[in-house]
Amino acid sequence: MRRIAAARLRHCGLQEMTGDAMLIVSELLTNAVLHSGATEISLSVAVRDGFLHIAVRDGMPGCAAQKAEDDDAESGRGLALVDALAAGRGGTWGTTDAGATTWCRLSVPSERS
């Protein structure tokens, strides 16, 4: 799925966003695989209204939420990372459909939007 998303970014001329987008895709997909119990997970990557929209749908209700982890924890920082990357790119993240979809949007550089 990461390769597909990277190809989509190249197709849209957004190679400079690949690093951040791939990290976000990885975190959202990993959360869906590890925590949803779903048998099907979908990824959507689209550019519209000046934003790169990334959405992972697992179809299972239950909202993703950031955890406050201690410094020694080996996991639990993924959504904090998504939040920081989105904020750094003028975007945000959240959930819809009672948590069945977790999404992120990143502002597209002005010369590309």
PDB file of N, CA and C in Angstrom:
ATOM      1  N   MET A   1       0.821  -1.186   0.000  1.00  0.00           N
ATOM      2  CA  MET A   1       0.000   0.000   0.000  1.00  0.00           C
ATOM      3  C   MET A   1       0.873   1.261   0.000  1.00  0.00           C
ATOM      4  N   ARG A   2       2.014   1.166   0.668  1.00  0.00           N
ATOM      5  CA  ARG A   2       2.921   2.320   0.674  1.00  0.00           C
ATOM      6  C   ARG A   2       3.423   2.620  -0.738  1.00  0.00           C
ATOM      7  N   ARG A   3       3.748   1.574  -1.491  1.00  0.00           N
ATOM      8  CA  ARG A   3       4.224   1.786  -2.863  1.00  0.00           C
ATOM      9  C   ARG A   3       3.134   2.403  -3.733  1.00  0.00           C
ATOM     10  N   ILE A   4       1.914   1.975  -3.548  1.00  0.00           N
ATOM     11  CA  ILE A   4       0.795   2.541  -4.299  1.00  0.00           C
ATOM     12  C   ILE A   4       0.619   4.016  -3.956  1.00  0.00           C
ATOM     13  N   ALA A   5       0.674   4.328  -2.675  1.00  0.00           N
ATOM     14  CA  ALA A   5       0.546   5.726  -2.253  1.00  0.00           C
ATOM     15  C   ALA A   5       1.686   6.577  -2.805  1.00  0.00           C
ATOM     16  N   ALA A   6       2.910   6.057  -2.776  1.00  0.00           N
ATOM     17  CA  ALA A   6       4.062   6.795  -3.317  1.00  0.00           C
ATOM     18  C   ALA A   6       3.896   7.024  -4.811  1.00  0.00           C
ATOM     19  N   ALA A   7       3.393   6.024  -5.525  1.00  0.00           N
ATOM     20  CA  ALA A   7       3.153   6.176  -6.960  1.00  0.00           C
ATOM     21  C   ALA A   7       2.095   7.241  -7.219  1.00  0.00           C
ATOM     22  N   ARG A   8       1.080   7.283  -6.386  1.00  0.00           N
ATOM     23  CA  ARG A   8       0.019   8.304  -6.521  1.00  0.00           C
ATOM     24  C   ARG A   8       0.603   9.701  -6.328  1.00  0.00           C
ATOM     25  N   LEU A   9       1.477   9.855  -5.349  1.00  0.00           N
ATOM     26  CA  LEU A   9       2.108  11.155  -5.108  1.00  0.00           C
ATOM     27  C   LEU A   9       2.969  11.560  -6.300  1.00  0.00           C
ATOM     28  N   ARG A  10       3.736  10.620  -6.841  1.00  0.00           N
ATOM     29  CA  ARG A  10       4.536  10.924  -8.033  1.00  0.00           C
ATOM     30  C   ARG A  10       3.646  11.350  -9.185  1.00  0.00           C
ATOM     31  N   HIS A  11       2.538  10.643  -9.382  1.00  0.00           N
ATOM     32  CA  HIS A  11       1.597  10.956 -10.454  1.00  0.00           C
ATOM     33  C   HIS A  11       1.041  12.382 -10.304  1.00  0.00           C
ATOM     34  N   CYS A  12       0.846  12.800  -9.061  1.00  0.00           N
ATOM     35  CA  CYS A  12       0.309  14.141  -8.792  1.00  0.00           C
ATOM     36  C   CYS A  12       1.403  15.206  -8.707  1.00  0.00           C
ATOM     37  N   GLY A  13       2.667  14.818  -8.903  1.00  0.00           N
ATOM     38  CA  GLY A  13       3.765  15.773  -8.825  1.00  0.00           C
ATOM     39  C   GLY A  13       4.087  16.217  -7.413  1.00  0.00           C
ATOM     40  N   LEU A  14       3.820  15.366  -6.444  1.00  0.00           N
ATOM     41  CA  LEU A  14       4.017  15.712  -5.029  1.00  0.00           C
ATOM     42  C   LEU A  14       5.113  14.879  -4.374  1.00  0.00           C
ATOM     43  N   GLN A  15       6.183  14.618  -5.115  1.00  0.00           N
ATOM     44  CA  GLN A  15       7.272  13.806  -4.582  1.00  0.00           C
ATOM     45  C   GLN A  15       7.840  14.376  -3.294  1.00  0.00           C
ATOM     46  N   GLU A  16       7.863  15.705  -3.148  1.00  0.00           N
ATOM     47  CA  GLU A  16       8.439  16.313  -1.952  1.00  0.00           C
ATOM     48  C   GLU A  16       7.633  15.998  -0.684  1.00  0.00           C
ATOM     49  N   MET A  17       6.416  15.485  -0.836  1.00  0.00           N
ATOM     50  CA  MET A  17       5.587  15.123   0.315  1.00  0.00           C
ATOM     51  C   MET A  17       5.689  13.634   0.649  1.00  0.00           C
ATOM     52  N   THR A  18       6.445  12.885  -0.136  1.00  0.00           N
ATOM     53  CA  THR A  18       6.473  11.429  -0.004  1.00  0.00           C
ATOM     54  C   THR A  18       6.914  10.974   1.385  1.00  0.00           C
ATOM     55  N   GLY A  19       7.964  11.537   1.938  1.00  0.00           N
ATOM     56  CA  GLY A  19       8.459  11.097   3.246  1.00  0.00           C
ATOM     57  C   GLY A  19       7.401  11.193   4.329  1.00  0.00           C
ATOM     58  N   ASP A  20       6.812  12.379   4.478  1.00  0.00           N
ATOM     59  CA  ASP A  20       5.772  12.567   5.498  1.00  0.00           C
ATOM     60  C   ASP A  20       4.556  11.696   5.210  1.00  0.00           C
ATOM     61  N   ALA A  21       4.134  11.658   3.956  1.00  0.00           N
ATOM     62  CA  ALA A  21       2.943  10.881   3.604  1.00  0.00           C
ATOM     63  C   ALA A  21       3.149   9.394   3.853  1.00  0.00           C
ATOM     64  N   MET A  22       4.337   8.866   3.532  1.00  0.00           N
ATOM     65  CA  MET A  22       4.585   7.439   3.747  1.00  0.00           C
ATOM     66  C   MET A  22       4.596   7.085   5.228  1.00  0.00           C
ATOM     67  N   LEU A  23       5.129   7.971   6.043  1.00  0.00           N
ATOM     68  CA  LEU A  23       5.121   7.731   7.484  1.00  0.00           C
ATOM     69  C   LEU A  23       3.687   7.731   8.012  1.00  0.00           C
ATOM     70  N   ILE A  24       2.873   8.662   7.530  1.00  0.00           N
ATOM     71  CA  ILE A  24       1.465   8.718   7.956  1.00  0.00           C
ATOM     72  C   ILE A  24       0.715   7.480   7.483  1.00  0.00           C
ATOM     73  N   VAL A  25       0.895   7.102   6.231  1.00  0.00           N
ATOM     74  CA  VAL A  25       0.252   5.890   5.706  1.00  0.00           C
ATOM     75  C   VAL A  25       0.644   4.683   6.558  1.00  0.00           C
ATOM     76  N   SER A  26       1.924   4.561   6.856  1.00  0.00           N
ATOM     77  CA  SER A  26       2.392   3.429   7.673  1.00  0.00           C
ATOM     78  C   SER A  26       1.735   3.412   9.045  1.00  0.00           C
ATOM     79  N   GLU A  27       1.688   4.551   9.694  1.00  0.00           N
ATOM     80  CA  GLU A  27       1.105   4.609  11.041  1.00  0.00           C
ATOM     81  C   GLU A  27      -0.384   4.298  11.024  1.00  0.00           C
ATOM     82  N   LEU A  28      -1.121   4.875  10.079  1.00  0.00           N
ATOM     83  CA  LEU A  28      -2.569   4.644  10.035  1.00  0.00           C
ATOM     84  C   LEU A  28      -2.887   3.195   9.665  1.00  0.00           C
ATOM     85  N   LEU A  29      -2.145   2.639   8.711  1.00  0.00           N
ATOM     86  CA  LEU A  29      -2.360   1.242   8.349  1.00  0.00           C
ATOM     87  C   LEU A  29      -1.985   0.299   9.493  1.00  0.00           C
ATOM     88  N   THR A  30      -0.882   0.577  10.152  1.00  0.00           N
ATOM     89  CA  THR A  30      -0.463  -0.269  11.283  1.00  0.00           C
ATOM     90  C   THR A  30      -1.509  -0.256  12.379  1.00  0.00           C
ATOM     91  N   ASN A  31      -2.034   0.918  12.707  1.00  0.00           N
ATOM     92  CA  ASN A  31      -3.090   0.993  13.721  1.00  0.00           C
ATOM     93  C   ASN A  31      -4.294   0.156  13.310  1.00  0.00           C
ATOM     94  N   ALA A  32      -4.694   0.254  12.043  1.00  0.00           N
ATOM     95  CA  ALA A  32      -5.854  -0.505  11.578  1.00  0.00           C
ATOM     96  C   ALA A  32      -5.599  -2.005  11.683  1.00  0.00           C
ATOM     97  N   VAL A  33      -4.426  -2.441  11.272  1.00  0.00           N
ATOM     98  CA  VAL A  33      -4.101  -3.870  11.314  1.00  0.00           C
ATOM     99  C   VAL A  33      -4.035  -4.380  12.758  1.00  0.00           C
ATOM    100  N   LEU A  34      -3.366  -3.628  13.621  1.00  0.00           N
ATOM    101  CA  LEU A  34      -3.145  -4.093  14.992  1.00  0.00           C
ATOM    102  C   LEU A  34      -4.361  -3.971  15.906  1.00  0.00           C
ATOM    103  N   HIS A  35      -5.195  -2.962  15.675  1.00  0.00           N
ATOM    104  CA  HIS A  35      -6.220  -2.658  16.676  1.00  0.00           C
ATOM    105  C   HIS A  35      -7.661  -2.864  16.232  1.00  0.00           C
ATOM    106  N   SER A  36      -7.916  -3.055  14.947  1.00  0.00           N
ATOM    107  CA  SER A  36      -9.315  -3.107  14.510  1.00  0.00           C
ATOM    108  C   SER A  36      -9.906  -4.512  14.509  1.00  0.00           C
ATOM    109  N   GLY A  37      -9.099  -5.513  14.219  1.00  0.00           N
ATOM    110  CA  GLY A  37      -9.635  -6.856  14.057  1.00  0.00           C
ATOM    111  C   GLY A  37     -10.364  -7.028  12.726  1.00  0.00           C
ATOM    112  N   ALA A  38     -10.242  -6.061  11.845  1.00  0.00           N
ATOM    113  CA  ALA A  38     -10.916  -6.101  10.547  1.00  0.00           C
ATOM    114  C   ALA A  38     -10.232  -7.087   9.609  1.00  0.00           C
ATOM    115  N   THR A  39     -11.002  -7.631   8.692  1.00  0.00           N
ATOM    116  CA  THR A  39     -10.448  -8.521   7.683  1.00  0.00           C
ATOM    117  C   THR A  39     -10.170  -7.789   6.368  1.00  0.00           C
ATOM    118  N   GLU A  40     -10.693  -6.583   6.220  1.00  0.00           N
ATOM    119  CA  GLU A  40     -10.435  -5.757   5.044  1.00  0.00           C
ATOM    120  C   GLU A  40     -10.115  -4.345   5.490  1.00  0.00           C
ATOM    121  N   ILE A  41      -9.084  -3.789   4.897  1.00  0.00           N
ATOM    122  CA  ILE A  41      -8.663  -2.422   5.201  1.00  0.00           C
ATOM    123  C   ILE A  41      -8.414  -1.736   3.869  1.00  0.00           C
ATOM    124  N   SER A  42      -8.904  -0.497   3.733  1.00  0.00           N
ATOM    125  CA  SER A  42      -8.695   0.230   2.484  1.00  0.00           C
ATOM    126  C   SER A  42      -7.926   1.523   2.745  1.00  0.00           C
ATOM    127  N   LEU A  43      -7.207   1.941   1.714  1.00  0.00           N
ATOM    128  CA  LEU A  43      -6.417   3.167   1.757  1.00  0.00           C
ATOM    129  C   LEU A  43      -6.882   4.066   0.629  1.00  0.00           C
ATOM    130  N   SER A  44      -7.064   5.333   0.932  1.00  0.00           N
ATOM    131  CA  SER A  44      -7.423   6.328  -0.069  1.00  0.00           C
ATOM    132  C   SER A  44      -6.406   7.462  -0.002  1.00  0.00           C
ATOM    133  N   VAL A  45      -5.888   7.851  -1.158  1.00  0.00           N
ATOM    134  CA  VAL A  45      -4.961   8.974  -1.259  1.00  0.00           C
ATOM    135  C   VAL A  45      -5.469   9.853  -2.393  1.00  0.00           C
ATOM    136  N   ALA A  46      -5.825  11.097  -2.075  1.00  0.00           N
ATOM    137  CA  ALA A  46      -6.386  11.999  -3.080  1.00  0.00           C
ATOM    138  C   ALA A  46      -5.934  13.425  -2.818  1.00  0.00           C
ATOM    139  N   VAL A  47      -5.870  14.206  -3.874  1.00  0.00           N
ATOM    140  CA  VAL A  47      -5.569  15.631  -3.755  1.00  0.00           C
ATOM    141  C   VAL A  47      -6.824  16.389  -4.151  1.00  0.00           C
ATOM    142  N   ARG A  48      -7.297  17.241  -3.220  1.00  0.00           N
ATOM    143  CA  ARG A  48      -8.454  18.088  -3.522  1.00  0.00           C
ATOM    144  C   ARG A  48      -8.466  19.281  -2.583  1.00  0.00           C
ATOM    145  N   ASP A  49      -8.940  20.379  -3.108  1.00  0.00           N
ATOM    146  CA  ASP A  49      -9.085  21.611  -2.326  1.00  0.00           C
ATOM    147  C   ASP A  49      -7.790  22.052  -1.651  1.00  0.00           C
ATOM    148  N   GLY A  50      -6.648  21.822  -2.302  1.00  0.00           N
ATOM    149  CA  GLY A  50      -5.368  22.268  -1.776  1.00  0.00           C
ATOM    150  C   GLY A  50      -4.773  21.388  -0.686  1.00  0.00           C
ATOM    151  N   PHE A  51      -5.338  20.188  -0.499  1.00  0.00           N
ATOM    152  CA  PHE A  51      -4.853  19.274   0.530  1.00  0.00           C
ATOM    153  C   PHE A  51      -4.639  17.880  -0.043  1.00  0.00           C
ATOM    154  N   LEU A  52      -3.639  17.198   0.487  1.00  0.00           N
ATOM    155  CA  LEU A  52      -3.458  15.777   0.249  1.00  0.00           C
ATOM    156  C   LEU A  52      -4.258  15.071   1.331  1.00  0.00           C
ATOM    157  N   HIS A  53      -5.234  14.285   0.926  1.00  0.00           N
ATOM    158  CA  HIS A  53      -6.087  13.555   1.862  1.00  0.00           C
ATOM    159  C   HIS A  53      -5.663  12.092   1.886  1.00  0.00           C
ATOM    160  N   ILE A  54      -5.388  11.588   3.067  1.00  0.00           N
ATOM    161  CA  ILE A  54      -5.031  10.180   3.271  1.00  0.00           C
ATOM    162  C   ILE A  54      -6.075   9.609   4.227  1.00  0.00           C
ATOM    163  N   ALA A  55      -6.702   8.506   3.846  1.00  0.00           N
ATOM    164  CA  ALA A  55      -7.706   7.894   4.721  1.00  0.00           C
ATOM    165  C   ALA A  55      -7.514   6.382   4.737  1.00  0.00           C
ATOM    166  N   VAL A  56      -7.614   5.810   5.917  1.00  0.00           N
ATOM    167  CA  VAL A  56      -7.562   4.359   6.094  1.00  0.00           C
ATOM    168  C   VAL A  56      -8.879   3.947   6.739  1.00  0.00           C
ATOM    169  N   ARG A  57      -9.568   3.058   6.063  1.00  0.00           N
ATOM    170  CA  ARG A  57     -10.859   2.577   6.561  1.00  0.00           C
ATOM    171  C   ARG A  57     -10.743   1.104   6.907  1.00  0.00           C
ATOM    172  N   ASP A  58     -11.104   0.790   8.145  1.00  0.00           N
ATOM    173  CA  ASP A  58     -11.105  -0.609   8.556  1.00  0.00           C
ATOM    174  C   ASP A  58     -12.519  -1.119   8.799  1.00  0.00           C
ATOM    175  N   GLY A  59     -13.503  -0.222   8.775  1.00  0.00           N
ATOM    176  CA  GLY A  59     -14.891  -0.618   8.923  1.00  0.00           C
ATOM    177  C   GLY A  59     -15.316  -0.968  10.330  1.00  0.00           C
ATOM    178  N   MET A  60     -14.407  -0.852  11.280  1.00  0.00           N
ATOM    179  CA  MET A  60     -14.727  -1.202  12.664  1.00  0.00           C
ATOM    180  C   MET A  60     -14.884   0.077  13.491  1.00  0.00           C
ATOM    181  N   PRO A  61     -16.001   0.223  14.185  1.00  0.00           N
ATOM    182  CA  PRO A  61     -16.165   1.416  15.008  1.00  0.00           C
ATOM    183  C   PRO A  61     -15.181   1.429  16.173  1.00  0.00           C
ATOM    184  N   GLY A  62     -14.875   2.616  16.617  1.00  0.00           N
ATOM    185  CA  GLY A  62     -13.938   2.803  17.723  1.00  0.00           C
ATOM    186  C   GLY A  62     -12.902   3.815  17.316  1.00  0.00           C
ATOM    187  N   CYS A  63     -12.880   4.933  17.994  1.00  0.00           N
ATOM    188  CA  CYS A  63     -12.022   6.044  17.587  1.00  0.00           C
ATOM    189  C   CYS A  63     -10.567   5.845  17.986  1.00  0.00           C
ATOM    190  N   ALA A  64      -9.707   6.183  17.041  1.00  0.00           N
ATOM    191  CA  ALA A  64      -8.275   6.229  17.329  1.00  0.00           C
ATOM    192  C   ALA A  64      -8.014   7.432  18.211  1.00  0.00           C
ATOM    193  N   ALA A  65      -7.156   7.283  19.182  1.00  0.00           N
ATOM    194  CA  ALA A  65      -6.844   8.389  20.084  1.00  0.00           C
ATOM    195  C   ALA A  65      -5.375   8.332  20.469  1.00  0.00           C
ATOM    196  N   GLN A  66      -4.793   9.516  20.614  1.00  0.00           N
ATOM    197  CA  GLN A  66      -3.405   9.592  21.059  1.00  0.00           C
ATOM    198  C   GLN A  66      -3.310   9.111  22.500  1.00  0.00           C
ATOM    199  N   LYS A  67      -2.224   8.403  22.799  1.00  0.00           N
ATOM    200  CA  LYS A  67      -1.962   7.952  24.159  1.00  0.00           C
ATOM    201  C   LYS A  67      -0.829   8.774  24.751  1.00  0.00           C
ATOM    202  N   ALA A  68      -0.891   8.954  26.032  1.00  0.00           N
ATOM    203  CA  ALA A  68       0.227   9.572  26.744  1.00  0.00           C
ATOM    204  C   ALA A  68       1.132   8.433  27.205  1.00  0.00           C
ATOM    205  N   GLU A  69       2.238   8.242  26.515  1.00  0.00           N
ATOM    206  CA  GLU A  69       3.160   7.157  26.844  1.00  0.00           C
ATOM    207  C   GLU A  69       4.343   7.707  27.624  1.00  0.00           C
ATOM    208  N   ASP A  70       4.904   6.871  28.463  1.00  0.00           N
ATOM    209  CA  ASP A  70       6.107   7.298  29.161  1.00  0.00           C
ATOM    210  C   ASP A  70       7.301   7.192  28.221  1.00  0.00           C
ATOM    211  N   ASP A  71       8.404   7.784  28.605  1.00  0.00           N
ATOM    212  CA  ASP A  71       9.588   7.849  27.751  1.00  0.00           C
ATOM    213  C   ASP A  71      10.169   6.482  27.401  1.00  0.00           C
ATOM    214  N   ASP A  72       9.909   5.474  28.220  1.00  0.00           N
ATOM    215  CA  ASP A  72      10.477   4.147  27.993  1.00  0.00           C
ATOM    216  C   ASP A  72       9.575   3.224  27.176  1.00  0.00           C
ATOM    217  N   ALA A  73       8.371   3.674  26.837  1.00  0.00           N
ATOM    218  CA  ALA A  73       7.441   2.835  26.086  1.00  0.00           C
ATOM    219  C   ALA A  73       7.998   2.534  24.694  1.00  0.00           C
ATOM    220  N   GLU A  74       7.767   1.305  24.222  1.00  0.00           N
ATOM    221  CA  GLU A  74       8.264   0.901  22.905  1.00  0.00           C
ATOM    222  C   GLU A  74       7.251   1.125  21.798  1.00  0.00           C
ATOM    223  N   SER A  75       6.040   1.515  22.135  1.00  0.00           N
ATOM    224  CA  SER A  75       5.011   1.785  21.138  1.00  0.00           C
ATOM    225  C   SER A  75       4.065   2.850  21.688  1.00  0.00           C
ATOM    226  N   GLY A  76       3.092   3.223  20.863  1.00  0.00           N
ATOM    227  CA  GLY A  76       2.083   4.167  21.323  1.00  0.00           C
ATOM    228  C   GLY A  76       2.304   5.600  20.902  1.00  0.00           C
ATOM    229  N   ARG A  77       3.280   5.845  20.039  1.00  0.00           N
ATOM    230  CA  ARG A  77       3.564   7.222  19.627  1.00  0.00           C
ATOM    231  C   ARG A  77       3.095   7.538  18.204  1.00  0.00           C
ATOM    232  N   GLY A  78       2.490   6.571  17.540  1.00  0.00           N
ATOM    233  CA  GLY A  78       2.130   6.730  16.134  1.00  0.00           C
ATOM    234  C   GLY A  78       1.211   7.902  15.851  1.00  0.00           C
ATOM    235  N   LEU A  79       0.122   8.030  16.604  1.00  0.00           N
ATOM    236  CA  LEU A  79      -0.812   9.119  16.335  1.00  0.00           C
ATOM    237  C   LEU A  79      -0.249  10.471  16.739  1.00  0.00           C
ATOM    238  N   ALA A  80       0.632  10.502  17.726  1.00  0.00           N
ATOM    239  CA  ALA A  80       1.310  11.754  18.060  1.00  0.00           C
ATOM    240  C   ALA A  80       2.205  12.176  16.897  1.00  0.00           C
ATOM    241  N   LEU A  81       2.819  11.204  16.269  1.00  0.00           N
ATOM    242  CA  LEU A  81       3.651  11.476  15.096  1.00  0.00           C
ATOM    243  C   LEU A  81       2.794  11.974  13.936  1.00  0.00           C
ATOM    244  N   VAL A  82       1.666  11.323  13.688  1.00  0.00           N
ATOM    245  CA  VAL A  82       0.734  11.767  12.641  1.00  0.00           C
ATOM    246  C   VAL A  82       0.285  13.200  12.921  1.00  0.00           C
ATOM    247  N   ASP A  83      -0.056  13.481  14.163  1.00  0.00           N
ATOM    248  CA  ASP A  83      -0.494  14.831  14.549  1.00  0.00           C
ATOM    249  C   ASP A  83       0.602  15.857  14.274  1.00  0.00           C
ATOM    250  N   ALA A  84       1.827  15.542  14.650  1.00  0.00           N
ATOM    251  CA  ALA A  84       2.940  16.479  14.445  1.00  0.00           C
ATOM    252  C   ALA A  84       3.229  16.699  12.960  1.00  0.00           C
ATOM    253  N   LEU A  85       3.216  15.626  12.174  1.00  0.00           N
ATOM    254  CA  LEU A  85       3.464  15.757  10.740  1.00  0.00           C
ATOM    255  C   LEU A  85       2.360  16.557  10.064  1.00  0.00           C
ATOM    256  N   ALA A  86       1.120  16.285  10.436  1.00  0.00           N
ATOM    257  CA  ALA A  86      -0.001  17.023   9.848  1.00  0.00           C
ATOM    258  C   ALA A  86       0.083  18.508  10.208  1.00  0.00           C
ATOM    259  N   ALA A  87       0.328  18.801  11.467  1.00  0.00           N
ATOM    260  CA  ALA A  87       0.431  20.197  11.895  1.00  0.00           C
ATOM    261  C   ALA A  87       1.584  20.899  11.186  1.00  0.00           C
ATOM    262  N   GLY A  88       2.700  20.205  11.007  1.00  0.00           N
ATOM    263  CA  GLY A  88       3.848  20.780  10.326  1.00  0.00           C
ATOM    264  C   GLY A  88       3.585  21.082   8.861  1.00  0.00           C
ATOM    265  N   ARG A  89       2.603  20.414   8.293  1.00  0.00           N
ATOM    266  CA  ARG A  89       2.227  20.630   6.888  1.00  0.00           C
ATOM    267  C   ARG A  89       0.921  21.404   6.769  1.00  0.00           C
ATOM    268  N   GLY A  90       0.510  22.092   7.835  1.00  0.00           N
ATOM    269  CA  GLY A  90      -0.702  22.910   7.790  1.00  0.00           C
ATOM    270  C   GLY A  90      -1.977  22.099   7.692  1.00  0.00           C
ATOM    271  N   GLY A  91      -1.980  20.913   8.277  1.00  0.00           N
ATOM    272  CA  GLY A  91      -3.147  20.045   8.192  1.00  0.00           C
ATOM    273  C   GLY A  91      -3.614  19.559   9.538  1.00  0.00           C
ATOM    274  N   THR A  92      -4.355  18.475   9.512  1.00  0.00           N
ATOM    275  CA  THR A  92      -4.916  17.898  10.718  1.00  0.00           C
ATOM    276  C   THR A  92      -5.242  16.430  10.462  1.00  0.00           C
ATOM    277  N   TRP A  93      -5.756  15.749  11.481  1.00  0.00           N
ATOM    278  CA  TRP A  93      -6.187  14.367  11.330  1.00  0.00           C
ATOM    279  C   TRP A  93      -7.400  14.141  12.221  1.00  0.00           C
ATOM    280  N   GLY A  94      -8.088  13.027  12.003  1.00  0.00           N
ATOM    281  CA  GLY A  94      -9.245  12.710  12.830  1.00  0.00           C
ATOM    282  C   GLY A  94      -9.846  11.384  12.407  1.00  0.00           C
ATOM    283  N   THR A  95     -11.064  11.135  12.880  1.00  0.00           N
ATOM    284  CA  THR A  95     -11.787   9.916  12.530  1.00  0.00           C
ATOM    285  C   THR A  95     -13.188  10.279  12.064  1.00  0.00           C
ATOM    286  N   THR A  96     -13.780   9.398  11.280  1.00  0.00           N
ATOM    287  CA  THR A  96     -15.168   9.546  10.849  1.00  0.00           C
ATOM    288  C   THR A  96     -15.838   8.184  10.939  1.00  0.00           C
ATOM    289  N   ASP A  97     -17.119   8.160  10.670  1.00  0.00           N
ATOM    290  CA  ASP A  97     -17.885   6.903  10.659  1.00  0.00           C
ATOM    291  C   ASP A  97     -17.709   6.146  11.971  1.00  0.00           C
ATOM    292  N   ALA A  98     -17.873   6.856  13.088  1.00  0.00           N
ATOM    293  CA  ALA A  98     -17.728   6.264  14.425  1.00  0.00           C
ATOM    294  C   ALA A  98     -16.359   5.623  14.617  1.00  0.00           C
ATOM    295  N   GLY A  99     -15.366   6.163  13.930  1.00  0.00           N
ATOM    296  CA  GLY A  99     -14.007   5.660  14.085  1.00  0.00           C
ATOM    297  C   GLY A  99     -13.608   4.619  13.061  1.00  0.00           C
ATOM    298  N   ALA A 100     -14.500   4.265  12.149  1.00  0.00           N
ATOM    299  CA  ALA A 100     -14.189   3.246  11.148  1.00  0.00           C
ATOM    300  C   ALA A 100     -13.167   3.743  10.125  1.00  0.00           C
ATOM    301  N   THR A 101     -13.036   5.057   9.991  1.00  0.00           N
ATOM    302  CA  THR A 101     -12.057   5.654   9.089  1.00  0.00           C
ATOM    303  C   THR A 101     -11.199   6.636   9.869  1.00  0.00           C
ATOM    304  N   THR A 102      -9.893   6.518   9.731  1.00  0.00           N
ATOM    305  CA  THR A 102      -8.961   7.498  10.294  1.00  0.00           C
ATOM    306  C   THR A 102      -8.340   8.215   9.108  1.00  0.00           C
ATOM    307  N   TRP A 103      -8.346   9.523   9.146  1.00  0.00           N
ATOM    308  CA  TRP A 103      -7.890  10.315   8.018  1.00  0.00           C
ATOM    309  C   TRP A 103      -6.872  11.367   8.454  1.00  0.00           C
ATOM    310  N   CYS A 104      -6.155  11.853   7.473  1.00  0.00           N
ATOM    311  CA  CYS A 104      -5.188  12.919   7.687  1.00  0.00           C
ATOM    312  C   CYS A 104      -5.192  13.785   6.436  1.00  0.00           C
ATOM    313  N   ARG A 105      -5.026  15.071   6.612  1.00  0.00           N
ATOM    314  CA  ARG A 105      -4.879  15.937   5.447  1.00  0.00           C
ATOM    315  C   ARG A 105      -3.674  16.841   5.645  1.00  0.00           C
ATOM    316  N   LEU A 106      -2.927  16.994   4.569  1.00  0.00           N
ATOM    317  CA  LEU A 106      -1.717  17.804   4.567  1.00  0.00           C
ATOM    318  C   LEU A 106      -1.867  18.874   3.506  1.00  0.00           C
ATOM    319  N   SER A 107      -1.507  20.082   3.837  1.00  0.00           N
ATOM    320  CA  SER A 107      -1.571  21.166   2.871  1.00  0.00           C
ATOM    321  C   SER A 107      -0.574  20.907   1.740  1.00  0.00           C
ATOM    322  N   VAL A 108      -1.052  21.041   0.517  1.00  0.00           N
ATOM    323  CA  VAL A 108      -0.218  20.867  -0.666  1.00  0.00           C
ATOM    324  C   VAL A 108       0.545  22.179  -0.891  1.00  0.00           C
ATOM    325  N   PRO A 109       1.830  22.113  -1.203  1.00  0.00           N
ATOM    326  CA  PRO A 109       2.562  23.346  -1.478  1.00  0.00           C
ATOM    327  C   PRO A 109       1.806  24.201  -2.509  1.00  0.00           C
ATOM    328  N   SER A 110       1.778  25.502  -2.314  1.00  0.00           N
ATOM    329  CA  SER A 110       0.938  26.393  -3.109  1.00  0.00           C
ATOM    330  C   SER A 110       1.180  26.282  -4.598  1.00  0.00           C
ATOM    331  N   GLU A 111       2.376  25.990  -5.040  1.00  0.00           N
ATOM    332  CA  GLU A 111       2.633  25.879  -6.479  1.00  0.00           C
ATOM    333  C   GLU A 111       1.996  24.616  -7.070  1.00  0.00           C
ATOM    334  N   ARG A 112       1.520  23.689  -6.221  1.00  0.00           N
ATOM    335  CA  ARG A 112       0.918  22.439  -6.712  1.00  0.00           C
ATOM    336  C   ARG A 112      -0.594  22.410  -6.561  1.00  0.00           C
ATOM    337  N   SER A 113      -1.167  23.256  -5.712  1.00  0.00           N
ATOM    338  CA  SER A 113      -2.603  23.163  -5.436  1.00  0.00           C
ATOM    339  C   SER A 113      -3.451  23.811  -6.495  1.00  0.00           C
TER     340      SER A 113
END
